[in-house]
Amino acid sequence: MTSGLVSRTRRVRSFALALALLASPALADGLIDNANGYTFDGKGQLVRFNALLIDDQGKVARLLDRDDKRPEKLDFRLDAKGRTVVPGLIDAHGHVMALGEAALSLDLSGTNSLAEAQAALRAYAADRPTPPWIRGRGWNQERWGLGRFPTAADIDAITPGRPVVLDRVDGHALLANSAAMAAAGITAATKDPAGGRIERDARGKPTGVFVDAAQDLIRKAVPPMLPRDRDAALAKAQEILLGFGITAIADMGTSGDDWLVMRRAGDAGRLRVRIISYAGGIPTLLAVAGTGPTPWLYDGRLRMIGVKLYDDGALGSRGAWLKAPYADAPGQTGLSFLDDTKLRNLMSRAAMDGFQTAVHAIGDAANAQLLDAIDELAATYKGDRRWRIEHAQIVDPADLPRFAKHGIVASMQPVHQTSDRLMAEARLGPARLGGAYAWKAMLDNKVPLAFGSDTPVESPNPFPALAAAVSRQDAAGQPPGGWQPQQIVSLAEAFRAFTATAAYAGFAEDRIGSLAPGHMADFLILDRDIFTAGIADLRAARPLETWIGGKRAWTAPHGGQTSSN
């Protein structure tokens, strides 16, 4: 991962000349010069360049080698001073509005114990006497070492009479205090909904934790956010994404209200990050997009391409649907959200109008069910469908080769592996981990592999994710040698999953994902060469500047300077 990769990634003069022939001549609006540039060619190979010409439409005009002549007339020229320039990174799976809302609410993701979470809630409530409901997210009983779910009793005394709703880190469970449950009319007689579970004590009384579909029993009582607060959440999410070098993101589960917030931002010229939207269900898909994917709106900033469906829950809340019972809960196999017929009907309804389907499947039973559905539907809905399986975290090894059929895209999140390692071992036991977070197996089976973060479940920072992909180790270097190290991928493979293949996963490879001529000039100027860095340096990498469409969209403090020509 040091000089060996660079030597294998030759600066190919013939490639630079071929790009020059494809580009329009001489004049361009801008030049990023003296760059240590990396991108992918048409064959998916990593190649080098020294300068980037940008045309008056914000697209890449040419890539130049060191000896190529520069245009004499330019609107601007930036001397990159030898810094590393790479394509903008694409998060193939995130939740844009949830990221912004989480950043503006109580954040418990950094707490290491129940006591820390209680202290954070107490301070947050004291600082904010309004609004009456307190919302937050990020708790993780596994990280706390609690050995159980938290309960309403753990937080009731902190905010007496004031409703509190706190989402678990994965978004598949929430903790409500007694005031919130009372407002929602929850009692011991409340039944578990299909696809959900209410945690109860020995007497059958709800403890305050609501898993998957049961969350809706509480959420219906939570006052909706005001439009100005939702606008602020989108603005905050975009600032966070740009600061981490994310120039495009697949928004998984866009609601009708989310879409209107994005449209308001686009109308006002405030939509900065490119958003590839997957509606949160068929009704929203049809209400927004109607009879097919929308066109690209706002200069290629927004498009609804398909629908996001859920086939099961999450591992942390034991909602992931498994073929065999949980090792640490022998009476449970998780939650199946859709029976075979309903899953096929929903996927078919989207496919008949040319929409792409992206289906959440974490457990091995859910993945098997989804693979079966795709096997059947592919016979009817032919052509380039790019069926997406989101997460594909726990797969029966016997099912791994099936991903290679029908153009399936494996949309996976590297940091989930480092966050979930100990929990996955506890939930499954060592004998059932052969197909867990199996990135290399996907590539070996020629499956398109797209990487993302699942933000705000994880930080959208892609550089720790790249480090996890090439090491299978967390920030502390654990475990030595990597967890299930046979699933390690190369840095070039991981970077391609965050760029070219992430674009492909959203039918956007014709415009983003690489710095080929004709693509949008979405790129980063980094503080180090990630392709020659060690693991720790790769994890710590940061963008100095983030550019979208040939324009600077974000600059770190003391970032580079642009000089006019």
Protein backbone atom coordinates (compact mmCIF):
# COMPACT_ATOMS: atom_id res chain seq x y z
CA MET A 1 0.00 0.00 0.00
CA THR A 2 3.03 2.29 -0.29
CA SER A 3 5.33 2.79 -3.29
CA GLY A 4 4.31 -0.58 -4.73
CA LEU A 5 0.88 0.70 -5.60
CA VAL A 6 2.33 3.82 -7.18
CA SER A 7 4.74 1.78 -9.29
CA ARG A 8 1.90 -0.43 -10.46
CA THR A 9 -0.14 2.66 -11.30
CA ARG A 10 2.00 3.96 -14.14
CA ARG A 11 1.69 7.43 -15.53
CA VAL A 12 0.70 6.35 -18.99
CA ARG A 13 1.50 8.89 -21.69
CA SER A 14 -0.75 7.18 -24.22
CA PHE A 15 -3.68 7.52 -21.83
CA ALA A 16 -3.07 11.26 -21.48
CA LEU A 17 -2.89 11.65 -25.25
CA ALA A 18 -6.10 9.68 -25.73
CA LEU A 19 -7.85 11.94 -23.26
CA ALA A 20 -6.56 14.97 -25.11
CA LEU A 21 -8.11 13.72 -28.35
CA LEU A 22 -11.48 13.37 -26.65
CA ALA A 23 -11.42 16.88 -25.24
CA SER A 24 -12.28 20.20 -26.80
CA PRO A 25 -9.21 22.22 -27.79
CA ALA A 26 -7.09 24.97 -26.34
CA LEU A 27 -9.18 27.25 -24.17
CA ALA A 28 -10.69 26.22 -20.86
CA ASP A 29 -12.13 28.12 -17.94
CA GLY A 30 -9.80 26.76 -15.32
CA LEU A 31 -6.65 24.80 -14.63
CA ILE A 32 -5.65 22.85 -11.55
CA ASP A 33 -1.92 22.62 -12.12
CA ASN A 34 1.06 20.94 -10.47
CA ALA A 35 -1.14 18.21 -9.00
CA ASN A 36 -0.31 14.74 -7.78
CA GLY A 37 -3.42 13.44 -9.49
CA TYR A 38 -5.11 10.04 -9.42
CA THR A 39 -8.22 8.85 -11.22
CA PHE A 40 -9.59 5.78 -12.99
CA ASP A 41 -9.50 5.17 -16.72
CA GLY A 42 -12.26 3.55 -18.75
CA LYS A 43 -11.02 0.09 -17.77
CA GLY A 44 -11.15 0.86 -14.06
CA GLN A 45 -7.39 1.15 -13.71
CA LEU A 46 -5.82 3.80 -11.50
CA VAL A 47 -3.86 6.33 -13.57
CA ARG A 48 -1.92 9.51 -12.83
CA PHE A 49 -2.11 13.11 -14.05
CA ASN A 50 -0.35 16.38 -13.34
CA ALA A 51 -3.01 18.94 -14.28
CA LEU A 52 -6.75 19.15 -14.73
CA LEU A 53 -8.42 21.41 -17.31
CA ILE A 54 -11.99 22.46 -16.55
CA ASP A 55 -14.35 23.75 -19.25
CA ASP A 56 -16.95 26.48 -19.00
CA GLN A 57 -19.65 23.94 -18.07
CA GLY A 58 -17.76 22.71 -15.01
CA LYS A 59 -16.69 19.50 -16.71
CA VAL A 60 -13.29 17.92 -17.15
CA ALA A 61 -11.84 19.06 -20.48
CA ARG A 62 -8.49 17.29 -20.34
CA LEU A 63 -6.04 15.62 -18.03
CA LEU A 64 -2.48 16.74 -18.61
CA ASP A 65 0.88 15.18 -17.94
CA ARG A 66 3.79 17.22 -16.65
CA ASP A 67 5.17 17.89 -20.13
CA ASP A 68 1.87 18.78 -21.83
CA LYS A 69 1.43 22.40 -22.91
CA ARG A 70 -0.90 24.49 -20.77
CA PRO A 71 -3.47 26.88 -22.30
CA GLU A 72 -2.41 30.51 -22.28
CA LYS A 73 -5.84 32.01 -21.59
CA LEU A 74 -7.69 30.91 -18.50
CA ASP A 75 -10.30 32.33 -16.19
CA PHE A 76 -8.41 30.92 -13.23
CA ARG A 77 -5.39 28.81 -12.40
CA LEU A 78 -4.79 27.04 -9.12
CA ASP A 79 -1.32 25.78 -8.25
CA ALA A 80 -1.94 22.57 -6.30
CA LYS A 81 1.71 22.70 -5.13
CA GLY A 82 2.15 18.98 -5.60
CA ARG A 83 -0.79 18.07 -3.41
CA THR A 84 -2.91 15.00 -4.15
CA VAL A 85 -5.99 15.53 -6.31
CA VAL A 86 -8.59 12.75 -6.55
CA PRO A 87 -12.18 12.40 -7.78
CA GLY A 88 -14.85 13.49 -5.33
CA LEU A 89 -15.92 10.64 -3.10
CA ILE A 90 -19.43 9.23 -3.41
CA ASP A 91 -21.26 7.80 -0.42
CA ALA A 92 -23.33 4.98 -1.89
CA HIS A 93 -25.64 4.70 1.12
CA GLY A 94 -26.55 7.46 3.54
CA HIS A 95 -29.46 9.34 5.06
CA VAL A 96 -29.01 13.01 4.31
CA MET A 97 -31.77 14.59 6.36
CA ALA A 98 -31.15 12.24 9.29
CA LEU A 99 -27.49 13.32 9.28
CA GLY A 100 -28.44 16.97 9.55
CA GLU A 101 -31.16 16.36 12.11
CA ALA A 102 -28.77 14.29 14.23
CA ALA A 103 -26.18 17.06 14.14
CA LEU A 104 -28.77 19.52 15.44
CA SER A 105 -30.16 17.27 18.19
CA LEU A 106 -28.78 15.35 21.17
CA ASP A 107 -25.87 13.20 19.95
CA LEU A 108 -25.10 10.16 22.11
CA SER A 109 -22.84 8.41 19.60
CA GLY A 110 -19.70 9.31 21.56
CA THR A 111 -20.96 8.07 24.92
CA ASN A 112 -19.26 5.02 26.40
CA SER A 113 -21.65 4.22 29.24
CA LEU A 114 -25.21 4.72 30.36
CA ALA A 115 -23.97 7.21 32.94
CA GLU A 116 -22.33 9.32 30.21
CA ALA A 117 -25.54 9.25 28.19
CA GLN A 118 -27.58 10.27 31.23
CA ALA A 119 -25.21 13.19 31.87
CA ALA A 120 -25.44 14.28 28.23
CA LEU A 121 -29.23 14.17 28.33
CA ARG A 122 -29.30 16.17 31.57
CA ALA A 123 -27.05 18.88 30.15
CA TYR A 124 -28.93 19.02 26.85
CA ALA A 125 -32.31 19.35 28.58
CA ALA A 126 -31.02 22.09 30.90
CA ASP A 127 -29.65 24.11 27.97
CA ARG A 128 -32.83 23.78 25.91
CA PRO A 129 -36.05 24.31 27.85
CA THR A 130 -37.88 24.31 24.50
CA PRO A 131 -39.19 22.59 22.43
CA PRO A 132 -41.17 20.36 24.79
CA TRP A 133 -40.01 17.10 23.15
CA ILE A 134 -36.34 16.12 23.31
CA ARG A 135 -35.02 14.15 20.36
CA GLY A 136 -31.64 12.50 20.01
CA ARG A 137 -29.82 9.51 18.65
CA GLY A 138 -26.68 7.40 18.84
CA TRP A 139 -27.05 5.20 21.92
CA ASN A 140 -25.47 1.77 21.72
CA GLN A 141 -25.87 -0.63 24.61
CA GLU A 142 -23.08 -2.79 23.20
CA ARG A 143 -20.60 0.07 23.36
CA TRP A 144 -21.81 0.90 26.84
CA GLY A 145 -21.19 -2.69 28.00
CA LEU A 146 -24.64 -2.55 29.53
CA GLY A 147 -25.59 -6.16 28.84
CA ARG A 148 -29.19 -5.12 28.21
CA PHE A 149 -31.25 -2.49 26.46
CA PRO A 150 -31.67 0.81 28.31
CA THR A 151 -35.13 1.49 29.72
CA ALA A 152 -37.46 4.40 30.33
CA ALA A 153 -36.66 4.05 34.01
CA ASP A 154 -33.03 4.91 33.22
CA ILE A 155 -33.99 8.39 31.99
CA ASP A 156 -37.37 9.27 33.54
CA ALA A 157 -35.91 11.14 36.50
CA ILE A 158 -33.73 13.33 34.25
CA THR A 159 -36.63 14.99 32.41
CA PRO A 160 -39.75 14.42 34.53
CA GLY A 161 -42.86 15.02 32.47
CA ARG A 162 -40.93 16.03 29.36
CA PRO A 163 -41.12 13.49 26.51
CA VAL A 164 -37.81 12.06 25.27
CA VAL A 165 -37.24 9.94 22.16
CA LEU A 166 -33.72 8.64 21.48
CA ASP A 167 -32.86 6.60 18.38
CA ARG A 168 -30.39 3.74 18.64
CA VAL A 169 -27.21 4.25 16.63
CA ASP A 170 -28.45 2.05 13.76
CA GLY A 171 -31.90 3.66 13.61
CA HIS A 172 -33.60 0.30 14.11
CA ALA A 173 -34.71 0.88 17.69
CA LEU A 174 -35.65 3.83 19.84
CA LEU A 175 -35.79 4.52 23.56
CA ALA A 176 -38.80 6.48 24.82
CA ASN A 177 -39.28 7.70 28.34
CA SER A 178 -42.56 7.26 30.23
CA ALA A 179 -43.82 10.71 29.20
CA ALA A 180 -43.33 9.88 25.54
CA MET A 181 -45.05 6.51 25.91
CA ALA A 182 -47.97 8.14 27.68
CA ALA A 183 -48.29 10.73 24.90
CA ALA A 184 -48.37 7.89 22.36
CA GLY A 185 -50.94 5.91 24.35
CA ILE A 186 -48.61 2.93 24.92
CA THR A 187 -49.72 0.46 27.60
CA ALA A 188 -49.14 -3.16 28.43
CA ALA A 189 -52.10 -3.96 26.17
CA THR A 190 -50.38 -2.45 23.10
CA LYS A 191 -49.63 -5.25 20.65
CA ASP A 192 -46.41 -5.73 18.70
CA PRO A 193 -46.96 -4.61 15.09
CA ALA A 194 -45.94 -6.76 12.14
CA GLY A 195 -42.22 -6.36 11.57
CA GLY A 196 -41.65 -4.81 14.99
CA ARG A 197 -41.11 -5.65 18.64
CA ILE A 198 -41.84 -3.87 21.91
CA GLU A 199 -39.33 -4.78 24.59
CA ARG A 200 -41.19 -5.76 27.77
CA ASP A 201 -40.38 -6.63 31.34
CA ALA A 202 -41.33 -9.87 33.07
CA ARG A 203 -44.89 -8.60 33.63
CA GLY A 204 -45.36 -7.65 29.99
CA LYS A 205 -45.05 -3.91 30.57
CA PRO A 206 -43.20 -1.97 27.81
CA THR A 207 -39.72 -1.03 29.01
CA GLY A 208 -39.30 1.90 26.63
CA VAL A 209 -37.44 0.27 23.72
CA PHE A 210 -39.28 -0.11 20.41
CA VAL A 211 -37.63 -2.15 17.64
CA ASP A 212 -38.07 -1.58 13.90
CA ALA A 213 -41.76 -1.19 12.91
CA ALA A 214 -42.74 -0.72 16.56
CA GLN A 215 -40.97 2.65 16.48
CA ASP A 216 -43.92 4.07 14.54
CA LEU A 217 -46.10 3.62 17.63
CA ILE A 218 -44.04 6.37 19.28
CA ARG A 219 -43.11 8.46 16.27
CA LYS A 220 -46.74 9.21 15.44
CA ALA A 221 -46.92 11.25 18.65
CA VAL A 222 -43.72 13.25 18.06
CA PRO A 223 -44.42 16.77 16.75
CA PRO A 224 -43.10 17.27 13.20
CA MET A 225 -40.10 19.51 12.62
CA LEU A 226 -40.79 23.02 11.41
CA PRO A 227 -39.84 23.78 7.79
CA ARG A 228 -37.09 26.17 8.85
CA ASP A 229 -35.59 23.47 11.08
CA ARG A 230 -35.65 20.96 8.22
CA ASP A 231 -33.96 23.50 5.93
CA ALA A 232 -31.30 24.02 8.60
CA ALA A 233 -30.81 20.25 8.87
CA LEU A 234 -30.15 19.92 5.12
CA ALA A 235 -27.72 22.82 5.20
CA LYS A 236 -25.87 21.24 8.13
CA ALA A 237 -25.74 17.84 6.43
CA GLN A 238 -24.25 19.34 3.29
CA GLU A 239 -21.58 21.18 5.26
CA ILE A 240 -20.60 17.96 7.04
CA LEU A 241 -20.46 15.95 3.81
CA LEU A 242 -18.40 18.54 1.92
CA GLY A 243 -15.99 18.79 4.83
CA PHE A 244 -15.29 15.07 4.54
CA GLY A 245 -14.88 15.20 0.75
CA ILE A 246 -18.27 13.69 -0.13
CA THR A 247 -19.42 15.31 -3.37
CA ALA A 248 -22.38 12.98 -4.02
CA ILE A 249 -24.50 10.70 -1.88
CA ALA A 250 -27.25 8.13 -2.42
CA ASP A 251 -30.03 9.16 -0.07
CA MET A 252 -31.68 5.95 1.07
CA GLY A 253 -35.30 6.41 2.06
CA THR A 254 -36.15 9.94 0.92
CA SER A 255 -39.58 10.92 2.26
CA GLY A 256 -41.96 13.24 0.49
CA ASP A 257 -41.10 15.98 3.00
CA ASP A 258 -37.37 15.33 2.48
CA TRP A 259 -37.82 15.76 -1.26
CA LEU A 260 -39.56 19.09 -0.76
CA VAL A 261 -36.73 20.31 1.48
CA MET A 262 -34.22 19.36 -1.22
CA ARG A 263 -36.32 21.06 -3.89
CA ARG A 264 -36.52 24.24 -1.80
CA ALA A 265 -32.75 24.21 -1.47
CA GLY A 266 -32.36 23.65 -5.21
CA ASP A 267 -34.78 26.46 -6.07
CA ALA A 268 -32.81 28.82 -3.85
CA GLY A 269 -29.40 27.75 -5.17
CA ARG A 270 -28.49 26.14 -1.84
CA LEU A 271 -28.20 22.53 -3.03
CA ARG A 272 -24.46 21.94 -3.04
CA VAL A 273 -23.93 18.17 -2.78
CA ARG A 274 -25.24 15.85 -5.51
CA ILE A 275 -28.06 13.68 -4.17
CA ILE A 276 -29.17 10.44 -5.84
CA SER A 277 -32.51 9.81 -4.20
CA TYR A 278 -34.19 6.49 -3.42
CA ALA A 279 -37.74 7.04 -2.20
CA GLY A 280 -38.74 5.61 1.16
CA GLY A 281 -41.46 3.39 -0.25
CA ILE A 282 -43.60 2.94 -3.35
CA PRO A 283 -46.19 5.65 -2.50
CA THR A 284 -43.49 8.32 -2.23
CA LEU A 285 -41.78 7.04 -5.36
CA LEU A 286 -44.95 7.32 -7.42
CA ALA A 287 -45.99 10.65 -5.90
CA VAL A 288 -42.62 12.26 -6.68
CA ALA A 289 -41.35 10.56 -9.81
CA GLY A 290 -44.52 9.10 -11.28
CA THR A 291 -43.75 6.96 -14.31
CA GLY A 292 -39.96 6.78 -14.24
CA PRO A 293 -36.77 8.23 -12.76
CA THR A 294 -36.74 12.00 -12.71
CA PRO A 295 -34.28 13.95 -14.82
CA TRP A 296 -31.25 15.44 -13.13
CA LEU A 297 -32.34 18.71 -11.54
CA TYR A 298 -30.40 21.82 -10.50
CA ASP A 299 -27.39 21.34 -12.72
CA GLY A 300 -27.08 17.66 -11.85
CA ARG A 301 -27.59 18.08 -8.11
CA LEU A 302 -30.74 16.01 -7.55
CA ARG A 303 -32.43 13.00 -9.09
CA MET A 304 -34.85 10.35 -7.86
CA ILE A 305 -33.78 7.07 -9.43
CA GLY A 306 -35.54 4.36 -7.43
CA VAL A 307 -36.97 3.06 -4.18
CA LYS A 308 -35.51 1.84 -0.90
CA LEU A 309 -37.20 -1.17 0.71
CA TYR A 310 -36.51 -2.98 3.99
CA ASP A 311 -36.38 -6.76 4.21
CA ASP A 312 -35.23 -7.06 7.83
CA GLY A 313 -33.88 -5.12 10.80
CA ALA A 314 -30.39 -4.64 12.24
CA LEU A 315 -27.95 -6.88 14.04
CA GLY A 316 -27.55 -4.65 17.10
CA SER A 317 -31.23 -4.77 18.00
CA ARG A 318 -31.46 -8.45 16.98
CA GLY A 319 -33.80 -7.48 14.19
CA ALA A 320 -31.61 -8.87 11.39
CA TRP A 321 -33.36 -11.96 10.01
CA LEU A 322 -31.17 -15.05 10.42
CA LYS A 323 -31.45 -18.59 9.14
CA ALA A 324 -30.64 -19.95 12.60
CA PRO A 325 -31.32 -18.45 16.05
CA TYR A 326 -29.04 -15.81 17.54
CA ALA A 327 -26.17 -17.32 19.49
CA ASP A 328 -26.83 -14.90 22.35
CA ALA A 329 -30.64 -15.13 22.17
CA PRO A 330 -31.54 -18.73 21.23
CA GLY A 331 -35.26 -18.04 21.00
CA GLN A 332 -34.90 -15.28 18.38
CA THR A 333 -34.14 -15.27 14.66
CA GLY A 334 -34.84 -11.59 14.03
CA LEU A 335 -37.58 -9.89 12.06
CA SER A 336 -38.78 -10.63 8.55
CA PHE A 337 -40.46 -7.48 7.25
CA LEU A 338 -41.83 -8.81 3.95
CA ASP A 339 -43.11 -12.21 2.94
CA ASP A 340 -42.04 -13.59 -0.43
CA THR A 341 -45.11 -12.36 -2.28
CA LYS A 342 -45.06 -8.83 -0.90
CA LEU A 343 -41.33 -8.44 -1.55
CA ARG A 344 -41.75 -9.50 -5.17
CA ASN A 345 -44.81 -7.30 -5.64
CA LEU A 346 -43.07 -4.19 -4.34
CA MET A 347 -39.94 -4.80 -6.40
CA SER A 348 -42.05 -5.54 -9.47
CA ARG A 349 -44.09 -2.36 -9.04
CA ALA A 350 -40.91 -0.30 -9.11
CA ALA A 351 -39.27 -2.27 -11.91
CA MET A 352 -42.24 -2.05 -14.27
CA ASP A 353 -41.67 1.70 -14.61
CA GLY A 354 -37.90 1.45 -14.88
CA PHE A 355 -37.13 2.37 -11.28
CA GLN A 356 -34.15 0.83 -9.53
CA THR A 357 -34.73 -1.12 -6.32
CA ALA A 358 -32.40 -0.94 -3.35
CA VAL A 359 -33.32 -3.41 -0.62
CA HIS A 360 -31.95 -3.46 2.92
CA ALA A 361 -30.88 -7.00 3.83
CA ILE A 362 -28.57 -7.65 6.78
CA GLY A 363 -29.22 -11.18 8.00
CA ASP A 364 -28.43 -14.32 6.00
CA ALA A 365 -32.12 -15.26 5.74
CA ALA A 366 -33.03 -11.82 4.40
CA ASN A 367 -30.22 -11.92 1.85
CA ALA A 368 -31.29 -15.39 0.70
CA GLN A 369 -34.91 -14.30 0.35
CA LEU A 370 -33.88 -11.24 -1.66
CA LEU A 371 -31.61 -13.26 -3.94
CA ASP A 372 -34.49 -15.64 -4.59
CA ALA A 373 -36.73 -12.69 -5.49
CA ILE A 374 -34.18 -11.25 -7.91
CA ASP A 375 -33.73 -14.67 -9.53
CA GLU A 376 -37.44 -14.73 -10.26
CA LEU A 377 -37.96 -11.08 -11.25
CA ALA A 378 -34.93 -10.95 -13.55
CA ALA A 379 -36.72 -13.30 -15.93
CA THR A 380 -39.42 -10.66 -16.44
CA TYR A 381 -37.52 -7.40 -16.02
CA LYS A 382 -34.58 -7.80 -18.32
CA GLY A 383 -31.86 -5.37 -19.25
CA ASP A 384 -29.59 -3.26 -17.05
CA ARG A 385 -31.51 -3.24 -13.78
CA ARG A 386 -28.64 -3.06 -11.26
CA TRP A 387 -30.65 -4.60 -8.44
CA ARG A 388 -29.09 -3.24 -5.24
CA ILE A 389 -28.68 -5.18 -2.02
CA GLU A 390 -27.97 -2.74 0.79
CA HIS A 391 -25.60 -3.85 3.56
CA ALA A 392 -25.39 -7.58 2.72
CA GLN A 393 -23.70 -7.90 6.10
CA ILE A 394 -24.31 -11.51 7.07
CA VAL A 395 -24.49 -13.85 4.08
CA ASP A 396 -24.47 -17.62 4.06
CA PRO A 397 -21.22 -18.50 2.24
CA ALA A 398 -23.25 -20.77 -0.03
CA ASP A 399 -25.18 -17.68 -1.20
CA LEU A 400 -22.15 -15.48 -1.98
CA PRO A 401 -21.76 -16.68 -5.61
CA ARG A 402 -25.41 -15.83 -6.26
CA PHE A 403 -24.61 -12.11 -6.04
CA ALA A 404 -22.85 -12.42 -9.40
CA LYS A 405 -26.14 -13.04 -11.20
CA HIS A 406 -28.44 -10.49 -12.83
CA GLY A 407 -26.15 -7.47 -12.40
CA ILE A 408 -26.65 -7.23 -8.63
CA VAL A 409 -24.77 -4.40 -6.89
CA ALA A 410 -23.47 -5.08 -3.37
CA SER A 411 -23.80 -1.80 -1.49
CA MET A 412 -21.76 -2.18 1.69
CA GLN A 413 -20.28 -0.04 4.47
CA PRO A 414 -16.71 -0.80 5.61
CA VAL A 415 -16.91 0.91 9.01
CA HIS A 416 -19.85 -1.31 10.00
CA GLN A 417 -17.37 -4.18 10.16
CA THR A 418 -15.04 -2.47 12.62
CA SER A 419 -17.94 -1.14 14.70
CA ASP A 420 -19.83 -4.44 14.73
CA ARG A 421 -16.99 -6.96 15.08
CA LEU A 422 -17.46 -7.95 18.72
CA MET A 423 -21.24 -7.74 18.49
CA ALA A 424 -21.28 -9.92 15.36
CA GLU A 425 -19.20 -12.54 17.14
CA ALA A 426 -21.60 -12.50 20.08
CA ARG A 427 -24.75 -12.52 17.94
CA LEU A 428 -23.62 -15.29 15.57
CA GLY A 429 -20.75 -17.23 17.12
CA PRO A 430 -17.47 -17.83 15.23
CA ALA A 431 -18.78 -20.66 13.05
CA ARG A 432 -21.24 -18.41 11.20
CA LEU A 433 -18.94 -15.55 10.18
CA GLY A 434 -17.63 -16.95 6.90
CA GLY A 435 -19.84 -14.62 4.84
CA ALA A 436 -19.79 -11.64 7.20
CA TYR A 437 -18.87 -8.24 5.67
CA ALA A 438 -17.41 -10.20 2.76
CA TRP A 439 -16.03 -7.46 0.49
CA LYS A 440 -13.27 -9.46 -1.15
CA ALA A 441 -15.64 -12.35 -1.86
CA MET A 442 -17.90 -9.93 -3.71
CA LEU A 443 -15.05 -8.72 -5.88
CA ASP A 444 -13.79 -12.27 -6.45
CA ASN A 445 -17.26 -13.13 -7.73
CA LYS A 446 -17.16 -10.09 -10.09
CA VAL A 447 -19.92 -8.33 -8.16
CA PRO A 448 -19.92 -4.50 -8.42
CA LEU A 449 -18.98 -3.31 -4.93
CA ALA A 450 -20.16 0.16 -3.85
CA PHE A 451 -19.08 1.60 -0.51
CA GLY A 452 -20.88 4.06 1.74
CA SER A 453 -21.28 4.99 5.39
CA ASP A 454 -24.96 4.58 6.32
CA THR A 455 -24.59 8.00 7.92
CA PRO A 456 -25.65 8.98 10.55
CA VAL A 457 -25.30 5.40 11.77
CA GLU A 458 -21.60 5.90 11.12
CA SER A 459 -19.61 9.04 10.41
CA PRO A 460 -19.66 9.94 6.70
CA ASN A 461 -15.88 10.44 6.85
CA PRO A 462 -14.68 8.08 4.08
CA PHE A 463 -11.03 7.91 5.10
CA PRO A 464 -11.46 5.72 8.21
CA ALA A 465 -13.71 3.57 6.00
CA LEU A 466 -10.94 3.21 3.42
CA ALA A 467 -8.53 2.27 6.23
CA ALA A 468 -11.00 -0.33 7.52
CA ALA A 469 -11.41 -1.79 4.02
CA VAL A 470 -7.68 -2.37 3.56
CA SER A 471 -6.94 -3.55 7.11
CA ARG A 472 -10.14 -4.94 8.73
CA GLN A 473 -8.87 -3.13 11.87
CA ASP A 474 -10.36 -0.37 13.99
CA ALA A 475 -8.69 2.90 14.97
CA ALA A 476 -6.81 1.14 17.76
CA GLY A 477 -5.35 -1.40 15.30
CA GLN A 478 -7.54 -4.21 16.60
CA PRO A 479 -7.53 -7.06 16.02
CA PRO A 480 -3.89 -7.63 15.01
CA GLY A 481 -3.73 -8.79 11.41
CA GLY A 482 -7.34 -7.82 10.80
CA TRP A 483 -10.71 -9.47 11.46
CA GLN A 484 -11.50 -12.17 8.89
CA PRO A 485 -8.48 -10.86 6.94
CA GLN A 486 -9.32 -12.94 3.86
CA GLN A 487 -11.90 -10.21 3.12
CA ILE A 488 -9.35 -7.36 2.93
CA VAL A 489 -9.39 -5.40 -0.34
CA SER A 490 -6.67 -3.25 -1.91
CA LEU A 491 -6.74 0.51 -1.58
CA ALA A 492 -7.38 0.90 -5.32
CA GLU A 493 -10.37 -1.47 -5.01
CA ALA A 494 -11.71 0.35 -1.95
CA PHE A 495 -11.25 3.77 -3.56
CA ARG A 496 -13.01 2.59 -6.72
CA ALA A 497 -15.92 1.40 -4.53
CA PHE A 498 -16.19 4.95 -3.15
CA THR A 499 -15.99 6.59 -6.57
CA ALA A 500 -16.48 4.85 -9.92
CA THR A 501 -18.58 1.93 -8.66
CA ALA A 502 -20.58 4.10 -6.28
CA ALA A 503 -21.50 6.21 -9.33
CA TYR A 504 -22.32 3.07 -11.32
CA ALA A 505 -24.56 1.85 -8.50
CA GLY A 506 -26.76 4.92 -9.00
CA PHE A 507 -26.71 4.99 -12.83
CA ALA A 508 -24.47 8.07 -12.67
CA GLU A 509 -21.23 6.70 -14.14
CA ASP A 510 -21.71 8.87 -17.24
CA ARG A 511 -21.11 12.04 -15.23
CA ILE A 512 -19.36 11.42 -11.90
CA GLY A 513 -17.06 8.89 -10.25
CA SER A 514 -13.88 9.66 -12.19
CA LEU A 515 -12.13 12.63 -13.76
CA ALA A 516 -12.51 11.44 -17.33
CA PRO A 517 -13.14 14.11 -20.01
CA GLY A 518 -16.80 15.01 -20.14
CA HIS A 519 -17.41 14.11 -16.49
CA MET A 520 -18.22 16.76 -13.94
CA ALA A 521 -15.14 18.30 -12.36
CA ASP A 522 -15.93 17.01 -8.86
CA PHE A 523 -12.62 16.56 -7.06
CA LEU A 524 -10.72 16.90 -3.80
CA ILE A 525 -7.37 18.39 -2.92
CA LEU A 526 -6.08 16.28 -0.05
CA ASP A 527 -3.62 16.99 2.75
CA ARG A 528 -1.58 13.86 1.92
CA ASP A 529 -1.06 11.19 -0.72
CA ILE A 530 -3.41 8.45 0.44
CA PHE A 531 -1.94 5.99 -2.07
CA THR A 532 1.49 6.07 -0.44
CA ALA A 533 0.26 6.52 3.15
CA GLY A 534 0.28 3.96 5.91
CA ILE A 535 -2.93 2.86 7.55
CA ALA A 536 -2.83 5.51 10.29
CA ASP A 537 -2.14 8.30 7.79
CA LEU A 538 -4.89 7.04 5.50
CA ARG A 539 -7.34 7.08 8.38
CA ALA A 540 -6.31 10.65 9.28
CA ALA A 541 -6.49 12.05 5.73
CA ARG A 542 -8.62 15.14 5.17
CA PRO A 543 -9.57 17.29 2.19
CA LEU A 544 -8.15 20.78 2.01
CA GLU A 545 -10.62 21.74 -0.69
CA THR A 546 -13.77 20.15 -2.11
CA TRP A 547 -14.79 21.13 -5.65
CA ILE A 548 -18.09 20.37 -7.38
CA GLY A 549 -18.77 21.16 -11.01
CA GLY A 550 -15.47 22.99 -11.39
CA LYS A 551 -16.19 25.34 -8.49
CA ARG A 552 -14.82 25.34 -5.00
CA ALA A 553 -17.61 24.21 -2.67
CA TRP A 554 -15.70 23.93 0.60
CA THR A 555 -12.30 24.98 1.93
CA ALA A 556 -10.58 23.91 5.11
CA PRO A 557 -9.06 26.68 7.24
CA HIS A 558 -5.86 27.91 5.58
CA GLY A 559 -6.71 26.01 2.39
CA GLY A 560 -5.13 26.58 -1.01
CA GLN A 561 -5.25 29.82 -2.94
CA THR A 562 -6.51 30.46 -6.45
CA SER A 563 -4.69 32.94 -8.65
CA SER A 564 -6.34 34.65 -11.60
CA ASN A 565 -4.71 34.46 -14.99
